[in-house]
Amino acid sequence: MKIVVTSDTHGKKDILDRIAEENSDADLFLHAGDSQLSQNLIVPFQTVKGNCDFGLDYPIERVIPTLQGDIFITHGQRYYHITEKLVKSKHCKIFIFGHTHKHYLEEMNGVYICNPGSPVSPRDKTRGTYLIIEINESKINFEFKYL
């Protein structure tokens, strides 16, 4: 299963279209909030509500089952720190958040915590990033794509 994850695109539909086109073989597209786009414009991405998604009726969080365990996705503005206690409370294998505009990947007690960064307004000295997650029966691979 190939999953494309992005976040914090702030109305830049052209970037989302480019990411979707470059990854047309993906099984799932996820957006960790602050798309600032309505559902009909963000397709094929499934999204959560970010702090800049005013007037958009998106869930605050989503849970997606996979072969290796659940993916939990939220924008992250409600959490000052992503702690071990918080991650454990979500009972997931992959915990995805956005909001910081900084790409990030860490394993904490068997759970992967990741932030795809932002492809349009990065705050981590890159030209922008998004994340590819590949999941099969035996492993999970993560790869950041740089714009």
N, C-alpha and C. Protein backbone atom coordinates (compact mmCIF):
# COMPACT_ATOMS: atom_id res chain seq x y z
N MET A 1 0.85 -1.17 0.00
CA MET A 1 0.00 0.00 0.00
C MET A 1 0.89 1.24 0.00
N LYS A 2 0.67 2.11 -0.97
CA LYS A 2 1.41 3.36 -1.05
C LYS A 2 0.49 4.49 -0.59
N ILE A 3 0.98 5.26 0.40
CA ILE A 3 0.22 6.37 0.97
C ILE A 3 1.02 7.65 0.79
N VAL A 4 0.38 8.66 0.23
CA VAL A 4 0.98 9.98 0.07
C VAL A 4 0.40 10.87 1.15
N VAL A 5 1.27 11.55 1.90
CA VAL A 5 0.84 12.41 3.01
C VAL A 5 1.41 13.81 2.81
N THR A 6 0.54 14.80 2.93
CA THR A 6 0.98 16.19 2.87
C THR A 6 0.24 16.97 3.94
N SER A 7 0.60 18.23 4.08
CA SER A 7 -0.02 19.09 5.09
C SER A 7 0.26 20.54 4.74
N ASP A 8 -0.50 21.43 5.32
CA ASP A 8 -0.22 22.87 5.28
C ASP A 8 0.05 23.39 3.87
N THR A 9 -0.91 23.13 2.97
CA THR A 9 -0.78 23.61 1.59
C THR A 9 -1.47 24.96 1.39
N HIS A 10 -2.23 25.41 2.34
CA HIS A 10 -2.79 26.76 2.40
C HIS A 10 -3.32 27.29 1.06
N GLY A 11 -4.27 26.54 0.50
CA GLY A 11 -4.98 26.99 -0.69
C GLY A 11 -4.29 26.72 -2.01
N LYS A 12 -3.13 26.12 -2.00
CA LYS A 12 -2.35 25.89 -3.22
C LYS A 12 -2.77 24.57 -3.89
N LYS A 13 -3.89 24.62 -4.57
CA LYS A 13 -4.43 23.43 -5.23
C LYS A 13 -3.47 22.89 -6.29
N ASP A 14 -2.75 23.78 -6.97
CA ASP A 14 -1.82 23.34 -8.01
C ASP A 14 -0.74 22.41 -7.46
N ILE A 15 -0.29 22.65 -6.24
CA ILE A 15 0.71 21.78 -5.61
C ILE A 15 0.09 20.42 -5.31
N LEU A 16 -1.13 20.40 -4.78
CA LEU A 16 -1.80 19.13 -4.50
C LEU A 16 -2.01 18.34 -5.79
N ASP A 17 -2.42 19.02 -6.85
CA ASP A 17 -2.60 18.35 -8.14
C ASP A 17 -1.28 17.76 -8.62
N ARG A 18 -0.20 18.50 -8.47
CA ARG A 18 1.12 18.02 -8.90
C ARG A 18 1.54 16.79 -8.09
N ILE A 19 1.36 16.84 -6.78
CA ILE A 19 1.72 15.70 -5.93
C ILE A 19 0.89 14.48 -6.30
N ALA A 20 -0.41 14.66 -6.52
CA ALA A 20 -1.29 13.54 -6.90
C ALA A 20 -0.88 12.97 -8.25
N GLU A 21 -0.57 13.83 -9.19
CA GLU A 21 -0.17 13.37 -10.53
C GLU A 21 1.15 12.61 -10.49
N GLU A 22 2.11 13.11 -9.72
CA GLU A 22 3.41 12.45 -9.63
C GLU A 22 3.34 11.12 -8.89
N ASN A 23 2.25 10.90 -8.17
CA ASN A 23 2.08 9.67 -7.40
C ASN A 23 0.76 8.98 -7.76
N SER A 24 0.46 8.94 -9.03
CA SER A 24 -0.82 8.38 -9.48
C SER A 24 -0.99 6.91 -9.13
N ASP A 25 0.10 6.24 -8.77
CA ASP A 25 0.03 4.83 -8.38
C ASP A 25 -0.29 4.64 -6.90
N ALA A 26 -0.50 5.73 -6.16
CA ALA A 26 -0.77 5.64 -4.72
C ALA A 26 -2.16 5.05 -4.46
N ASP A 27 -2.26 4.36 -3.34
CA ASP A 27 -3.53 3.77 -2.91
C ASP A 27 -4.35 4.72 -2.06
N LEU A 28 -3.67 5.67 -1.42
CA LEU A 28 -4.33 6.56 -0.48
C LEU A 28 -3.59 7.89 -0.43
N PHE A 29 -4.35 8.99 -0.37
CA PHE A 29 -3.80 10.33 -0.25
C PHE A 29 -4.35 10.95 1.02
N LEU A 30 -3.46 11.39 1.91
CA LEU A 30 -3.86 12.00 3.18
C LEU A 30 -3.33 13.42 3.28
N HIS A 31 -4.12 14.28 3.91
CA HIS A 31 -3.72 15.66 4.13
C HIS A 31 -3.92 15.96 5.61
N ALA A 32 -2.87 16.43 6.29
CA ALA A 32 -2.91 16.67 7.73
C ALA A 32 -3.37 18.08 8.09
N GLY A 33 -4.23 18.66 7.27
CA GLY A 33 -4.88 19.91 7.62
C GLY A 33 -4.23 21.17 7.10
N ASP A 34 -5.01 22.25 7.16
CA ASP A 34 -4.68 23.55 6.61
C ASP A 34 -4.54 23.51 5.09
N SER A 35 -5.47 22.80 4.47
CA SER A 35 -5.54 22.83 3.01
C SER A 35 -6.20 24.13 2.55
N GLN A 36 -7.15 24.60 3.34
CA GLN A 36 -7.96 25.77 3.02
C GLN A 36 -8.72 25.58 1.70
N LEU A 37 -9.04 24.33 1.40
CA LEU A 37 -9.79 23.99 0.20
C LEU A 37 -11.02 23.16 0.57
N SER A 38 -12.08 23.35 -0.18
CA SER A 38 -13.29 22.56 0.05
C SER A 38 -13.07 21.12 -0.43
N GLN A 39 -13.95 20.24 0.00
CA GLN A 39 -13.81 18.81 -0.30
C GLN A 39 -13.74 18.54 -1.80
N ASN A 40 -14.52 19.25 -2.61
CA ASN A 40 -14.48 18.99 -4.04
C ASN A 40 -13.17 19.44 -4.69
N LEU A 41 -12.43 20.34 -4.05
CA LEU A 41 -11.16 20.79 -4.60
C LEU A 41 -9.95 20.00 -4.09
N ILE A 42 -10.12 19.29 -2.98
CA ILE A 42 -8.98 18.59 -2.39
C ILE A 42 -8.88 17.12 -2.85
N VAL A 43 -9.89 16.63 -3.53
CA VAL A 43 -9.87 15.25 -4.05
C VAL A 43 -8.59 15.05 -4.85
N PRO A 44 -7.86 13.94 -4.66
CA PRO A 44 -8.20 12.68 -4.00
C PRO A 44 -7.79 12.60 -2.52
N PHE A 45 -7.38 13.70 -1.93
CA PHE A 45 -6.90 13.68 -0.55
C PHE A 45 -8.05 13.59 0.45
N GLN A 46 -7.84 12.77 1.48
CA GLN A 46 -8.69 12.77 2.66
C GLN A 46 -8.00 13.66 3.67
N THR A 47 -8.74 14.53 4.30
CA THR A 47 -8.09 15.53 5.15
C THR A 47 -8.71 15.60 6.54
N VAL A 48 -8.01 16.28 7.40
CA VAL A 48 -8.51 16.64 8.73
C VAL A 48 -8.52 18.17 8.79
N LYS A 49 -9.21 18.70 9.77
CA LYS A 49 -9.35 20.15 9.90
C LYS A 49 -8.13 20.75 10.59
N GLY A 50 -7.56 21.75 9.95
CA GLY A 50 -6.46 22.49 10.53
C GLY A 50 -6.94 23.81 11.12
N ASN A 51 -6.07 24.51 11.79
CA ASN A 51 -6.44 25.76 12.44
C ASN A 51 -6.76 26.88 11.45
N CYS A 52 -6.40 26.74 10.18
CA CYS A 52 -6.73 27.74 9.15
C CYS A 52 -7.86 27.29 8.23
N ASP A 53 -8.46 26.15 8.51
CA ASP A 53 -9.55 25.63 7.67
C ASP A 53 -10.90 26.15 8.13
N PHE A 54 -11.04 27.47 8.15
CA PHE A 54 -12.25 28.12 8.63
C PHE A 54 -13.44 27.77 7.74
N GLY A 55 -14.54 27.42 8.37
CA GLY A 55 -15.77 27.15 7.65
C GLY A 55 -15.79 25.84 6.90
N LEU A 56 -14.76 25.03 7.02
CA LEU A 56 -14.71 23.74 6.34
C LEU A 56 -15.08 22.65 7.34
N ASP A 57 -15.95 21.76 6.92
CA ASP A 57 -16.47 20.73 7.81
C ASP A 57 -15.66 19.44 7.68
N TYR A 58 -14.47 19.45 8.22
CA TYR A 58 -13.60 18.28 8.21
C TYR A 58 -13.48 17.74 9.63
N PRO A 59 -13.23 16.43 9.77
CA PRO A 59 -13.03 15.90 11.12
C PRO A 59 -11.71 16.41 11.71
N ILE A 60 -11.64 16.47 13.02
CA ILE A 60 -10.42 16.90 13.72
C ILE A 60 -9.34 15.82 13.62
N GLU A 61 -9.78 14.59 13.54
CA GLU A 61 -8.84 13.47 13.41
C GLU A 61 -9.49 12.35 12.61
N ARG A 62 -8.66 11.48 12.09
CA ARG A 62 -9.11 10.29 11.35
C ARG A 62 -8.27 9.10 11.79
N VAL A 63 -8.86 7.92 11.66
CA VAL A 63 -8.14 6.67 11.88
C VAL A 63 -8.32 5.82 10.63
N ILE A 64 -7.20 5.36 10.07
CA ILE A 64 -7.21 4.56 8.86
C ILE A 64 -6.54 3.23 9.16
N PRO A 65 -7.27 2.12 9.02
CA PRO A 65 -6.66 0.81 9.26
C PRO A 65 -5.72 0.41 8.12
N THR A 66 -4.60 -0.25 8.48
CA THR A 66 -3.66 -0.78 7.49
C THR A 66 -3.24 -2.18 7.92
N LEU A 67 -2.46 -2.84 7.08
CA LEU A 67 -1.96 -4.18 7.39
C LEU A 67 -1.07 -4.22 8.62
N GLN A 68 -0.42 -3.10 8.94
CA GLN A 68 0.51 -3.04 10.06
C GLN A 68 -0.08 -2.40 11.32
N GLY A 69 -1.32 -1.95 11.24
CA GLY A 69 -1.96 -1.27 12.35
C GLY A 69 -2.55 0.04 11.87
N ASP A 70 -3.22 0.75 12.76
CA ASP A 70 -3.93 1.97 12.39
C ASP A 70 -2.99 3.15 12.18
N ILE A 71 -3.43 4.03 11.28
CA ILE A 71 -2.82 5.35 11.13
C ILE A 71 -3.76 6.33 11.81
N PHE A 72 -3.23 7.14 12.69
CA PHE A 72 -3.98 8.22 13.32
C PHE A 72 -3.46 9.51 12.70
N ILE A 73 -4.37 10.37 12.23
CA ILE A 73 -3.95 11.63 11.63
C ILE A 73 -4.76 12.79 12.21
N THR A 74 -4.06 13.85 12.56
CA THR A 74 -4.65 15.08 13.08
C THR A 74 -3.77 16.23 12.63
N HIS A 75 -4.29 17.45 12.72
CA HIS A 75 -3.45 18.59 12.33
C HIS A 75 -2.39 18.86 13.39
N GLY A 76 -2.78 18.78 14.65
CA GLY A 76 -1.79 18.91 15.71
C GLY A 76 -1.84 20.20 16.49
N GLN A 77 -2.64 21.17 16.08
CA GLN A 77 -2.67 22.43 16.80
C GLN A 77 -3.22 22.31 18.21
N ARG A 78 -3.92 21.22 18.50
CA ARG A 78 -4.47 21.01 19.84
C ARG A 78 -3.45 20.44 20.81
N TYR A 79 -2.29 20.04 20.30
CA TYR A 79 -1.28 19.41 21.14
C TYR A 79 -0.02 20.26 21.16
N TYR A 80 0.35 20.72 22.34
CA TYR A 80 1.56 21.53 22.46
C TYR A 80 2.80 20.68 22.19
N HIS A 81 2.80 19.46 22.71
CA HIS A 81 3.89 18.50 22.47
C HIS A 81 3.27 17.15 22.12
N ILE A 82 3.92 16.44 21.23
CA ILE A 82 3.52 15.08 20.92
C ILE A 82 4.27 14.18 21.90
N THR A 83 3.58 13.74 22.93
CA THR A 83 4.22 12.97 24.00
C THR A 83 3.96 11.48 23.83
N GLU A 84 4.75 10.70 24.54
CA GLU A 84 4.57 9.25 24.53
C GLU A 84 3.17 8.89 25.04
N LYS A 85 2.70 9.57 26.06
CA LYS A 85 1.38 9.31 26.61
C LYS A 85 0.29 9.58 25.57
N LEU A 86 0.40 10.69 24.85
CA LEU A 86 -0.57 11.02 23.81
C LEU A 86 -0.57 9.95 22.72
N VAL A 87 0.60 9.62 22.21
CA VAL A 87 0.72 8.64 21.14
C VAL A 87 0.14 7.29 21.58
N LYS A 88 0.49 6.86 22.78
CA LYS A 88 -0.01 5.58 23.30
C LYS A 88 -1.54 5.59 23.41
N SER A 89 -2.12 6.72 23.75
CA SER A 89 -3.57 6.81 23.92
C SER A 89 -4.33 6.64 22.61
N LYS A 90 -3.66 6.80 21.48
CA LYS A 90 -4.32 6.69 20.18
C LYS A 90 -4.29 5.27 19.62
N HIS A 91 -3.55 4.36 20.25
CA HIS A 91 -3.52 2.94 19.87
C HIS A 91 -3.26 2.77 18.36
N CYS A 92 -2.24 3.43 17.87
CA CYS A 92 -1.95 3.39 16.44
C CYS A 92 -0.52 2.91 16.19
N LYS A 93 -0.25 2.58 14.94
CA LYS A 93 1.10 2.22 14.51
C LYS A 93 1.82 3.43 13.92
N ILE A 94 1.03 4.34 13.31
CA ILE A 94 1.59 5.56 12.72
C ILE A 94 0.76 6.74 13.21
N PHE A 95 1.43 7.74 13.76
CA PHE A 95 0.79 8.96 14.26
C PHE A 95 1.25 10.10 13.36
N ILE A 96 0.33 10.70 12.61
CA ILE A 96 0.67 11.78 11.67
C ILE A 96 0.08 13.09 12.17
N PHE A 97 0.90 14.12 12.12
CA PHE A 97 0.41 15.47 12.45
C PHE A 97 1.05 16.47 11.49
N GLY A 98 0.46 17.65 11.41
CA GLY A 98 0.98 18.73 10.58
C GLY A 98 1.30 19.94 11.44
N HIS A 99 0.84 21.09 11.02
CA HIS A 99 0.85 22.34 11.76
C HIS A 99 2.21 23.04 11.87
N THR A 100 3.29 22.33 12.06
CA THR A 100 4.58 22.97 12.30
C THR A 100 5.30 23.38 11.01
N HIS A 101 4.89 22.82 9.87
CA HIS A 101 5.54 23.07 8.58
C HIS A 101 6.97 22.53 8.56
N LYS A 102 7.28 21.59 9.44
CA LYS A 102 8.62 20.98 9.52
C LYS A 102 8.49 19.47 9.38
N HIS A 103 9.23 18.91 8.42
CA HIS A 103 9.15 17.45 8.26
C HIS A 103 9.87 16.76 9.43
N TYR A 104 9.33 15.60 9.79
CA TYR A 104 9.77 14.95 11.03
C TYR A 104 9.40 13.48 10.97
N LEU A 105 10.29 12.63 11.48
CA LEU A 105 10.02 11.19 11.61
C LEU A 105 10.79 10.66 12.80
N GLU A 106 10.08 9.98 13.68
CA GLU A 106 10.69 9.36 14.86
C GLU A 106 9.92 8.09 15.19
N GLU A 107 10.64 7.09 15.68
CA GLU A 107 9.97 5.90 16.21
C GLU A 107 10.00 5.98 17.73
N MET A 108 8.83 5.80 18.34
CA MET A 108 8.71 5.85 19.79
C MET A 108 7.98 4.60 20.26
N ASN A 109 8.72 3.68 20.86
CA ASN A 109 8.14 2.43 21.38
C ASN A 109 7.28 1.71 20.35
N GLY A 110 7.81 1.59 19.13
CA GLY A 110 7.13 0.84 18.08
C GLY A 110 6.08 1.62 17.30
N VAL A 111 5.90 2.90 17.63
CA VAL A 111 4.96 3.75 16.90
C VAL A 111 5.77 4.80 16.14
N TYR A 112 5.42 4.99 14.87
CA TYR A 112 6.09 5.99 14.05
C TYR A 112 5.32 7.31 14.17
N ILE A 113 6.03 8.36 14.51
CA ILE A 113 5.45 9.69 14.63
C ILE A 113 6.03 10.51 13.48
N CYS A 114 5.15 11.08 12.66
CA CYS A 114 5.67 11.79 11.51
C CYS A 114 4.85 13.02 11.15
N ASN A 115 5.55 13.95 10.55
CA ASN A 115 4.98 15.18 10.03
C ASN A 115 5.53 15.32 8.62
N PRO A 116 4.65 15.44 7.62
CA PRO A 116 5.14 15.53 6.24
C PRO A 116 5.80 16.86 5.91
N GLY A 117 5.69 17.84 6.81
CA GLY A 117 6.19 19.17 6.51
C GLY A 117 5.17 19.89 5.64
N SER A 118 5.61 20.90 4.93
CA SER A 118 4.75 21.67 4.04
C SER A 118 5.42 21.80 2.68
N PRO A 119 4.70 21.48 1.61
CA PRO A 119 5.30 21.65 0.28
C PRO A 119 5.28 23.10 -0.21
N VAL A 120 4.54 23.99 0.47
CA VAL A 120 4.41 25.36 -0.02
C VAL A 120 5.02 26.42 0.89
N SER A 121 5.08 26.17 2.19
CA SER A 121 5.66 27.16 3.10
C SER A 121 6.43 26.46 4.22
N PRO A 122 7.53 25.79 3.85
CA PRO A 122 8.32 25.06 4.84
C PRO A 122 9.00 25.99 5.84
N ARG A 123 9.15 25.46 7.05
CA ARG A 123 9.87 26.19 8.11
C ARG A 123 11.09 25.40 8.58
N ASP A 124 11.61 24.56 7.69
CA ASP A 124 12.72 23.69 8.07
C ASP A 124 13.89 23.76 7.09
N LYS A 125 14.03 24.89 6.43
CA LYS A 125 15.16 25.14 5.54
C LYS A 125 15.21 24.19 4.35
N THR A 126 14.03 23.68 3.94
CA THR A 126 13.93 22.91 2.70
C THR A 126 13.12 23.73 1.71
N ARG A 127 13.00 23.22 0.50
CA ARG A 127 12.15 23.87 -0.49
C ARG A 127 10.72 23.35 -0.40
N GLY A 128 10.44 22.53 0.59
CA GLY A 128 9.12 21.94 0.76
C GLY A 128 9.18 20.43 0.70
N THR A 129 8.33 19.79 1.49
CA THR A 129 8.34 18.33 1.57
C THR A 129 6.92 17.78 1.65
N TYR A 130 6.81 16.51 1.28
CA TYR A 130 5.67 15.67 1.58
C TYR A 130 6.23 14.28 1.84
N LEU A 131 5.38 13.35 2.25
CA LEU A 131 5.84 12.05 2.72
C LEU A 131 5.17 10.92 1.95
N ILE A 132 5.97 9.91 1.63
CA ILE A 132 5.46 8.66 1.05
C ILE A 132 5.65 7.57 2.09
N ILE A 133 4.57 6.86 2.39
CA ILE A 133 4.62 5.70 3.29
C ILE A 133 4.26 4.47 2.48
N GLU A 134 5.11 3.47 2.53
CA GLU A 134 4.84 2.18 1.85
C GLU A 134 4.65 1.13 2.94
N ILE A 135 3.51 0.46 2.90
CA ILE A 135 3.18 -0.55 3.91
C ILE A 135 2.88 -1.87 3.23
N ASN A 136 3.53 -2.94 3.71
CA ASN A 136 3.14 -4.28 3.27
C ASN A 136 3.08 -5.18 4.50
N GLU A 137 2.93 -6.47 4.29
CA GLU A 137 2.74 -7.40 5.41
C GLU A 137 3.93 -7.46 6.35
N SER A 138 5.13 -7.14 5.85
CA SER A 138 6.32 -7.33 6.67
C SER A 138 7.03 -6.05 7.10
N LYS A 139 6.72 -4.90 6.47
CA LYS A 139 7.48 -3.70 6.85
C LYS A 139 6.74 -2.42 6.47
N ILE A 140 7.25 -1.32 7.02
CA ILE A 140 6.78 0.03 6.72
C ILE A 140 8.00 0.86 6.32
N ASN A 141 7.93 1.52 5.18
CA ASN A 141 9.00 2.40 4.73
C ASN A 141 8.49 3.83 4.64
N PHE A 142 9.36 4.78 4.97
CA PHE A 142 9.02 6.20 4.91
C PHE A 142 10.05 6.89 4.02
N GLU A 143 9.57 7.79 3.16
CA GLU A 143 10.47 8.56 2.31
C GLU A 143 9.91 9.98 2.16
N PHE A 144 10.71 10.95 2.54
CA PHE A 144 10.32 12.33 2.30
C PHE A 144 10.67 12.70 0.87
N LYS A 145 9.74 13.36 0.22
CA LYS A 145 9.98 13.89 -1.13
C LYS A 145 10.17 15.38 -1.00
N TYR A 146 11.19 15.88 -1.67
CA TYR A 146 11.55 17.30 -1.62
C TYR A 146 11.16 17.96 -2.91
N LEU A 147 10.57 19.13 -2.81
CA LEU A 147 10.17 19.88 -4.01
C LEU A 147 11.33 20.74 -4.49
